[in-house]
N, C-alpha and C. Protein backbone atom coordinates (compact mmCIF):
# COMPACT_ATOMS: atom_id res chain seq x y z
N MET A 1 0.79 -1.32 0.07
CA MET A 1 0.01 0.08 0.05
C MET A 1 0.86 1.30 -0.22
N PRO A 2 0.40 2.17 -0.82
CA PRO A 2 1.26 3.80 -1.00
C PRO A 2 1.33 4.20 0.35
N ALA A 3 2.26 4.90 0.39
CA ALA A 3 2.56 5.85 1.79
C ALA A 3 1.21 6.94 1.66
N PRO A 4 0.50 7.52 2.89
CA PRO A 4 -0.62 8.36 2.38
C PRO A 4 -0.33 9.49 1.84
N THR A 5 0.80 10.03 2.40
CA THR A 5 1.05 11.21 1.46
C THR A 5 1.43 11.21 0.02
N SER A 6 1.54 10.02 -0.26
CA SER A 6 1.91 9.85 -1.90
C SER A 6 1.02 10.59 -2.70
N ALA A 7 1.46 10.74 -4.32
CA ALA A 7 0.72 11.43 -5.29
C ALA A 7 -0.45 10.52 -5.39
N PRO A 8 -0.45 9.24 -6.24
CA PRO A 8 -1.42 8.78 -6.34
C PRO A 8 -2.70 8.41 -5.22
N VAL A 9 -2.13 8.41 -4.18
CA VAL A 9 -3.17 8.20 -2.72
C VAL A 9 -4.52 9.65 -2.61
N ILE A 10 -3.50 10.58 -2.93
CA ILE A 10 -4.07 12.43 -2.90
C ILE A 10 -4.57 12.14 -3.73
N ALA A 11 -4.40 11.88 -5.28
CA ALA A 11 -5.33 11.84 -6.10
C ALA A 11 -6.67 10.83 -6.77
N ARG A 12 -6.29 9.70 -6.07
CA ARG A 12 -7.64 8.75 -5.65
C ARG A 12 -8.43 9.51 -4.60
N ALA A 13 -8.10 10.04 -3.94
CA ALA A 13 -8.71 10.84 -2.72
C ALA A 13 -9.70 11.83 -3.37
N LEU A 14 -8.94 12.60 -4.01
CA LEU A 14 -9.66 14.01 -4.64
C LEU A 14 -10.52 13.35 -6.04
N GLY A 15 -10.41 12.20 -6.31
CA GLY A 15 -11.23 11.81 -7.41
C GLY A 15 -10.90 12.21 -8.82
N GLU A 16 -9.96 12.46 -8.75
CA GLU A 16 -9.33 13.06 -10.35
C GLU A 16 -7.83 12.78 -10.51
N ASN A 17 -7.35 12.71 -11.84
CA ASN A 17 -6.01 12.78 -12.19
C ASN A 17 -5.37 14.44 -12.04
N VAL A 18 -4.69 14.13 -11.15
CA VAL A 18 -3.76 15.67 -10.60
C VAL A 18 -2.56 15.43 -11.24
N VAL A 19 -1.67 16.25 -11.46
CA VAL A 19 -0.43 16.96 -11.95
C VAL A 19 0.08 17.67 -11.02
N LEU A 20 1.26 17.09 -10.40
CA LEU A 20 1.71 18.06 -9.09
C LEU A 20 3.23 18.32 -9.96
N GLU A 21 3.39 19.71 -9.79
CA GLU A 21 4.68 20.44 -10.16
C GLU A 21 5.42 20.59 -9.03
N VAL A 22 6.45 19.99 -9.22
CA VAL A 22 7.82 19.85 -8.00
C VAL A 22 9.02 20.95 -8.71
N SER A 23 9.34 21.83 -8.13
CA SER A 23 10.59 22.39 -8.85
C SER A 23 11.86 22.12 -7.87
N THR A 24 12.85 21.95 -9.04
CA THR A 24 14.29 21.29 -8.27
C THR A 24 15.10 22.43 -8.28
N SER A 25 14.86 23.71 -8.75
CA SER A 25 15.78 24.60 -8.29
C SER A 25 15.23 25.76 -7.66
N ALA A 26 16.10 26.76 -7.63
CA ALA A 26 15.79 27.82 -6.33
C ALA A 26 15.23 28.66 -7.44
N PRO A 27 14.33 29.54 -6.87
CA PRO A 27 14.05 30.85 -7.85
C PRO A 27 14.92 31.75 -8.34
N ASP A 28 14.62 31.95 -9.50
CA ASP A 28 15.87 32.59 -10.52
C ASP A 28 15.63 34.14 -9.82
N LEU A 29 17.10 34.83 -9.97
CA LEU A 29 17.02 36.36 -9.21
C LEU A 29 15.97 37.01 -10.03
N ALA A 30 15.92 37.06 -11.26
CA ALA A 30 14.88 37.79 -12.17
C ALA A 30 13.66 37.36 -11.63
N ASP A 31 13.22 36.28 -11.36
CA ASP A 31 11.86 36.31 -11.33
C ASP A 31 11.33 37.06 -9.61
N VAL A 32 12.73 36.71 -8.71
CA VAL A 32 12.46 37.43 -7.59
C VAL A 32 12.29 38.87 -7.60
N ARG A 33 13.06 39.48 -8.75
CA ARG A 33 12.72 41.00 -8.82
C ARG A 33 11.67 41.43 -9.43
N ASP A 34 11.29 40.80 -10.02
CA ASP A 34 10.02 41.30 -10.77
C ASP A 34 8.94 41.12 -9.99
N ALA A 35 8.82 39.97 -8.68
CA ALA A 35 8.02 40.04 -7.78
C ALA A 35 7.84 41.25 -6.98
N LEU A 36 9.15 41.50 -6.89
CA LEU A 36 9.47 42.70 -5.70
C LEU A 36 8.82 43.78 -6.60
N GLU A 37 8.83 44.14 -8.08
CA GLU A 37 8.56 45.13 -8.56
C GLU A 37 7.16 45.35 -8.46
N ARG A 38 6.28 44.15 -8.39
CA ARG A 38 4.82 44.11 -8.43
C ARG A 38 4.40 44.74 -7.20
N LEU A 39 5.35 44.18 -6.16
CA LEU A 39 4.77 45.00 -4.44
C LEU A 39 5.20 46.33 -4.10
N ALA A 40 6.20 46.73 -5.16
CA ALA A 40 6.60 48.12 -5.09
C ALA A 40 5.72 48.97 -5.16
N PRO A 41 5.64 50.08 -4.05
CA PRO A 41 4.32 51.36 -4.27
C PRO A 41 4.55 51.90 -5.86
N VAL A 42 3.44 52.50 -6.07
CA VAL A 42 3.35 53.40 -7.49
C VAL A 42 3.31 54.71 -7.16
N GLU A 43 4.27 55.24 -8.15
CA GLU A 43 4.61 56.97 -7.68
C GLU A 43 3.38 57.79 -8.85
N LEU A 44 2.44 58.01 -8.32
CA LEU A 44 1.48 59.00 -9.21
C LEU A 44 1.62 60.34 -8.80
N ALA A 45 1.31 61.20 -10.16
CA ALA A 45 1.22 62.52 -9.76
C ALA A 45 -0.32 62.78 -9.41
N PRO A 46 -0.11 63.75 -8.46
CA PRO A 46 -1.27 64.26 -7.30
C PRO A 46 -2.37 64.73 -8.60
N GLY A 47 -3.70 64.15 -8.43
CA GLY A 47 -4.92 64.29 -8.84
C GLY A 47 -4.94 63.70 -10.19
N ASP A 48 -3.79 63.04 -10.60
CA ASP A 48 -3.84 62.34 -11.59
C ASP A 48 -4.91 60.78 -11.44
N VAL A 49 -5.93 61.23 -12.03
CA VAL A 49 -7.19 59.81 -11.51
C VAL A 49 -6.96 58.94 -12.96
N ARG A 50 -6.70 59.60 -14.04
CA ARG A 50 -6.39 58.49 -14.92
C ARG A 50 -5.32 57.43 -14.62
N ALA A 51 -4.40 57.96 -14.47
CA ALA A 51 -3.07 57.09 -14.10
C ALA A 51 -3.58 56.07 -12.84
N ALA A 52 -4.30 56.53 -11.66
CA ALA A 52 -4.55 55.65 -11.00
C ALA A 52 -5.19 54.53 -11.09
N LEU A 53 -6.73 55.14 -12.46
CA LEU A 53 -7.32 54.15 -12.68
C LEU A 53 -6.58 53.04 -13.47
N ALA A 54 -5.70 53.35 -14.18
CA ALA A 54 -4.57 52.44 -14.90
C ALA A 54 -4.06 51.46 -13.75
N VAL A 55 -3.40 51.92 -12.71
CA VAL A 55 -2.80 50.82 -11.34
C VAL A 55 -4.04 50.15 -11.75
N VAL A 56 -5.44 50.56 -11.19
CA VAL A 56 -6.14 49.88 -10.41
C VAL A 56 -6.65 48.54 -11.61
N ALA A 57 -6.72 49.02 -12.81
CA ALA A 57 -6.91 47.94 -13.90
C ALA A 57 -5.68 46.80 -14.12
N GLU A 58 -4.41 47.15 -13.70
CA GLU A 58 -3.62 46.36 -13.87
C GLU A 58 -4.01 45.26 -13.22
N HIS A 59 -4.09 45.58 -11.73
CA HIS A 59 -4.40 44.81 -10.49
C HIS A 59 -6.05 44.04 -10.39
N ALA A 60 -6.98 44.49 -11.21
CA ALA A 60 -8.25 44.23 -11.00
C ALA A 60 -8.69 42.95 -11.11
N THR A 61 -8.20 42.00 -11.59
CA THR A 61 -8.84 40.71 -11.83
C THR A 61 -7.32 39.65 -10.76
N LEU A 62 -8.45 39.05 -9.87
CA LEU A 62 -7.54 38.07 -8.81
C LEU A 62 -7.46 36.71 -9.25
N ASN A 63 -6.42 36.27 -8.92
CA ASN A 63 -6.44 34.62 -9.56
C ASN A 63 -6.74 33.76 -8.42
N PRO A 64 -7.95 32.96 -8.52
CA PRO A 64 -8.02 32.34 -7.14
C PRO A 64 -7.26 31.02 -6.94
N TYR A 65 -6.10 30.82 -8.27
CA TYR A 65 -5.33 29.39 -8.27
C TYR A 65 -3.94 29.51 -7.72
N ALA A 66 -4.09 29.24 -6.34
CA ALA A 66 -2.57 29.51 -5.91
C ALA A 66 -1.57 28.38 -6.57
N ALA A 67 -0.21 28.73 -6.71
CA ALA A 67 0.42 27.93 -7.26
C ALA A 67 1.24 26.72 -6.21
N LEU A 68 1.67 25.75 -7.07
CA LEU A 68 1.44 24.59 -6.96
C LEU A 68 2.89 24.21 -6.69
N THR A 69 3.80 25.16 -7.41
CA THR A 69 5.52 24.12 -7.31
C THR A 69 6.16 24.24 -6.00
N SER A 70 6.81 23.80 -5.75
CA SER A 70 7.62 23.10 -4.44
C SER A 70 9.01 22.55 -4.79
N ARG A 71 10.33 22.86 -3.92
CA ARG A 71 11.00 21.93 -4.09
C ARG A 71 10.98 20.39 -3.42
N HIS A 72 10.26 20.38 -2.71
CA HIS A 72 9.64 19.41 -1.98
C HIS A 72 8.34 18.51 -2.52
N PRO A 73 8.51 17.72 -3.04
CA PRO A 73 7.27 16.73 -3.35
C PRO A 73 6.11 16.84 -2.35
N ALA A 74 6.23 16.85 -0.91
CA ALA A 74 5.20 16.44 -0.02
C ALA A 74 4.75 17.93 -0.06
N ILE A 75 5.26 19.32 0.09
CA ILE A 75 4.71 20.34 0.17
C ILE A 75 3.98 20.95 -1.31
N ALA A 76 4.49 20.10 -2.12
CA ALA A 76 3.26 20.44 -3.49
C ALA A 76 2.59 19.67 -3.13
N ARG A 77 2.19 18.36 -2.73
CA ARG A 77 1.09 17.78 -2.41
C ARG A 77 0.15 18.54 -1.41
N LEU A 78 0.76 18.96 -0.23
CA LEU A 78 -0.07 19.55 0.48
C LEU A 78 -0.23 20.82 0.02
N LYS A 79 0.24 21.70 -0.62
CA LYS A 79 -0.83 22.65 -1.56
C LYS A 79 -1.58 22.29 -2.47
N LEU A 80 -1.72 21.30 -2.94
CA LEU A 80 -2.72 20.66 -3.60
C LEU A 80 -4.19 20.34 -3.22
N VAL A 81 -3.89 19.55 -1.83
CA VAL A 81 -4.92 19.40 -0.91
C VAL A 81 -5.19 20.68 -0.21
N THR A 82 -4.71 21.60 0.03
CA THR A 82 -5.08 23.25 0.60
C THR A 82 -5.81 23.26 -0.27
N ARG A 83 -5.13 23.62 -1.58
CA ARG A 83 -6.18 24.70 -2.46
C ARG A 83 -7.65 23.79 -2.87
N LYS A 84 -7.39 22.68 -3.08
CA LYS A 84 -8.61 21.72 -3.34
C LYS A 84 -9.69 22.01 -2.00
N LEU A 85 -9.22 22.24 -0.66
CA LEU A 85 -10.20 22.16 0.73
C LEU A 85 -10.73 23.67 0.35
N THR A 86 -9.67 24.78 -0.08
CA THR A 86 -10.45 26.06 0.23
C THR A 86 -10.75 27.00 -1.25
N PHE A 87 -10.84 25.94 -2.28
CA PHE A 87 -11.07 26.58 -3.27
C PHE A 87 -12.58 27.43 -3.45
N PHE A 88 -13.71 26.61 -2.98
CA PHE A 88 -14.68 27.16 -3.03
C PHE A 88 -14.68 28.76 -2.54
N VAL A 89 -13.85 28.76 -1.18
CA VAL A 89 -14.49 30.30 -0.57
C VAL A 89 -13.15 31.18 -1.33
N ALA A 90 -12.07 30.69 -1.51
CA ALA A 90 -11.38 31.41 -2.26
C ALA A 90 -11.61 31.86 -3.83
N HIS A 91 -12.22 31.10 -4.33
CA HIS A 91 -12.81 31.46 -5.78
C HIS A 91 -14.05 32.29 -5.45
N SER A 92 -14.61 32.42 -4.25
CA SER A 92 -15.74 33.29 -4.40
C SER A 92 -15.15 34.43 -4.14
N LEU A 93 -14.42 34.38 -2.99
CA LEU A 93 -13.77 35.91 -2.62
C LEU A 93 -12.94 36.51 -3.87
N ALA A 94 -12.16 35.92 -4.45
CA ALA A 94 -11.68 36.33 -5.79
C ALA A 94 -12.76 37.08 -6.94
N VAL A 95 -13.71 36.18 -7.21
CA VAL A 95 -14.60 36.88 -8.17
C VAL A 95 -15.30 38.21 -7.35
N GLN A 96 -15.80 38.20 -6.23
CA GLN A 96 -16.34 39.27 -5.42
C GLN A 96 -15.25 40.26 -5.60
N VAL A 97 -14.29 39.86 -5.40
CA VAL A 97 -13.02 41.09 -5.09
C VAL A 97 -12.87 41.78 -6.41
N THR A 98 -12.44 40.73 -7.68
CA THR A 98 -12.32 41.45 -8.83
C THR A 98 -13.68 42.19 -9.37
N ASP A 99 -14.81 41.88 -8.90
CA ASP A 99 -16.01 42.13 -9.63
C ASP A 99 -15.96 44.14 -8.87
N LEU A 100 -15.85 44.02 -7.80
CA LEU A 100 -15.56 45.29 -6.98
C LEU A 100 -14.17 45.95 -7.57
N ALA A 101 -13.32 45.52 -8.09
CA ALA A 101 -12.32 46.16 -8.87
C ALA A 101 -13.10 46.87 -10.09
N HIS A 102 -13.86 45.87 -10.35
CA HIS A 102 -14.01 46.28 -12.09
C HIS A 102 -15.31 47.62 -11.81
N ALA A 103 -16.13 47.50 -10.96
CA ALA A 103 -16.91 48.54 -10.78
C ALA A 103 -16.22 49.66 -9.97
N LEU A 104 -15.20 49.70 -9.65
CA LEU A 104 -14.56 50.65 -9.13
C LEU A 104 -13.91 51.75 -10.19
N LEU A 105 -13.71 50.63 -11.38
CA LEU A 105 -13.00 51.16 -12.81
C LEU A 105 -14.18 51.79 -13.26
N VAL A 106 -14.97 51.27 -13.31
CA VAL A 106 -16.48 52.08 -14.09
C VAL A 106 -16.73 53.81 -13.30
N ALA A 107 -16.86 53.29 -11.94
CA ALA A 107 -17.35 54.54 -11.30
C ALA A 107 -15.87 55.51 -11.29
N GLY A 108 -14.56 55.44 -11.57
CA GLY A 108 -13.61 55.66 -11.69
C GLY A 108 -13.64 56.85 -12.76
N ALA A 109 -13.78 56.05 -13.97
CA ALA A 109 -13.64 56.44 -15.07
C ALA A 109 -14.92 57.36 -15.09
N ALA A 110 -15.98 57.18 -14.55
CA ALA A 110 -17.00 58.32 -15.07
C ALA A 110 -16.86 59.63 -14.23
N THR A 111 -16.14 59.59 -12.92
CA THR A 111 -15.67 60.42 -11.94
C THR A 111 -14.33 61.26 -12.71
N ALA A 112 -13.64 60.53 -13.23
CA ALA A 112 -12.80 61.47 -14.16
C ALA A 112 -13.30 62.15 -15.47
N ASP A 113 -14.50 61.65 -15.83
CA ASP A 113 -15.19 62.16 -17.17
C ASP A 113 -15.64 63.63 -16.62
N ARG A 114 -16.31 63.28 -15.50
CA ARG A 114 -17.06 64.58 -15.10
C ARG A 114 -16.07 65.34 -14.29
N LEU A 115 -14.87 65.26 -13.90
CA LEU A 115 -13.84 66.07 -13.19
C LEU A 115 -13.53 66.89 -14.48
N GLU A 116 -13.03 66.20 -15.53
CA GLU A 116 -12.53 66.96 -16.66
C GLU A 116 -13.63 67.97 -17.35
N LEU A 117 -15.10 67.68 -17.79
CA LEU A 117 -15.70 68.31 -17.48
C LEU A 117 -15.97 69.84 -16.98
N LEU A 118 -15.98 69.36 -15.67
CA LEU A 118 -15.95 70.30 -14.80
C LEU A 118 -14.90 71.48 -14.76
N GLU A 119 -13.64 71.02 -14.75
CA GLU A 119 -12.63 71.76 -15.29
C GLU A 119 -12.36 72.48 -16.18
N GLU A 120 -12.65 72.07 -17.47
CA GLU A 120 -12.91 72.89 -18.76
C GLU A 120 -13.92 73.69 -18.41
N GLU A 121 -15.46 73.66 -18.11
CA GLU A 121 -16.13 74.59 -17.85
C GLU A 121 -15.57 75.94 -16.64
N ASN A 122 -14.68 75.37 -15.48
CA ASN A 122 -14.26 76.04 -14.38
C ASN A 122 -13.53 77.20 -15.47
N ALA A 123 -12.67 76.79 -16.32
CA ALA A 123 -11.60 77.31 -16.97
C ALA A 123 -12.81 78.12 -18.01
N ARG A 124 -13.25 77.88 -18.61
CA ARG A 124 -14.55 78.65 -19.54
C ARG A 124 -15.01 80.11 -18.73
N LEU A 125 -15.57 79.65 -17.58
CA LEU A 125 -15.89 80.70 -16.89
C LEU A 125 -15.02 81.82 -16.28
N ARG A 126 -13.83 81.10 -15.93
CA ARG A 126 -12.85 81.81 -15.56
C ARG A 126 -12.31 83.09 -16.60
N HIS A 127 -12.28 82.34 -17.97
CA HIS A 127 -12.33 83.51 -19.01
C HIS A 127 -13.27 84.30 -19.22
N ASP A 128 -14.54 83.81 -19.07
CA ASP A 128 -15.72 84.72 -19.60
C ASP A 128 -15.64 85.75 -18.31
N LEU A 129 -15.29 85.46 -17.24
CA LEU A 129 -15.26 86.21 -15.78
C LEU A 129 -14.02 87.84 -16.12
N ASP A 130 -12.80 86.89 -16.63
CA ASP A 130 -11.92 87.81 -17.06
C ASP A 130 -11.94 88.93 -18.23
N GLU A 131 -12.98 88.20 -19.27
CA GLU A 131 -13.59 89.51 -20.42
C GLU A 131 -14.42 90.28 -19.57
N LEU A 132 -15.11 90.04 -18.85
CA LEU A 132 -16.36 90.98 -18.51
C LEU A 132 -15.38 92.03 -17.51
N ARG A 133 -14.89 91.45 -16.38
CA ARG A 133 -13.84 92.33 -15.74
C ARG A 133 -12.99 93.50 -16.85
N SER A 134 -12.41 92.89 -17.64
CA SER A 134 -11.77 93.70 -18.69
C SER A 134 -12.54 95.16 -19.04
N ARG A 135 -13.94 94.41 -19.58
CA ARG A 135 -14.94 95.13 -20.45
C ARG A 135 -15.28 96.49 -19.25
N GLN A 136 -15.22 96.12 -18.16
CA GLN A 136 -15.49 97.04 -16.80
C GLN A 136 -14.56 97.75 -16.40
N GLY A 137 -13.31 97.44 -16.95
CA GLY A 137 -12.07 98.27 -16.26
C GLY A 137 -11.49 98.03 -15.19
N THR A 138 -12.20 96.84 -14.49
CA THR A 138 -11.63 96.55 -13.21
C THR A 138 -10.65 95.15 -13.53
N ALA A 139 -10.02 95.17 -12.52
CA ALA A 139 -8.32 94.35 -12.46
C ALA A 139 -9.01 93.39 -11.72
N PRO A 140 -8.67 91.89 -11.96
CA PRO A 140 -8.90 90.95 -10.99
C PRO A 140 -8.56 91.04 -9.57
């Protein structure tokens, strides 16, 4: 009888054919740097709503599937079992957060459009006010 933590036993317990990914090498330095760049804070100009929306759009979709790679086969199997046990909650949460992020993008785009219209109207009204003041001979 196979050991209780062997891949065939876990696959049978889960009722499907499963392929476990086992990594035999350490993470590449470039991969680590890429991961750190994704976690770094983003510098945005104050008041740049469109740039903020672009940053939100980059991270709006969550992936409910956790990585199964590990240098240790037992850890890869444990990750698989944990993912199978928590999938419903993780998937439901990921879908809800993704939907929220997309709704925020729509609301943010509408807000940015309205803000740009208000800024244009404000500039036009200031120009009209300056014209009226110049006709009356009063300086601002």
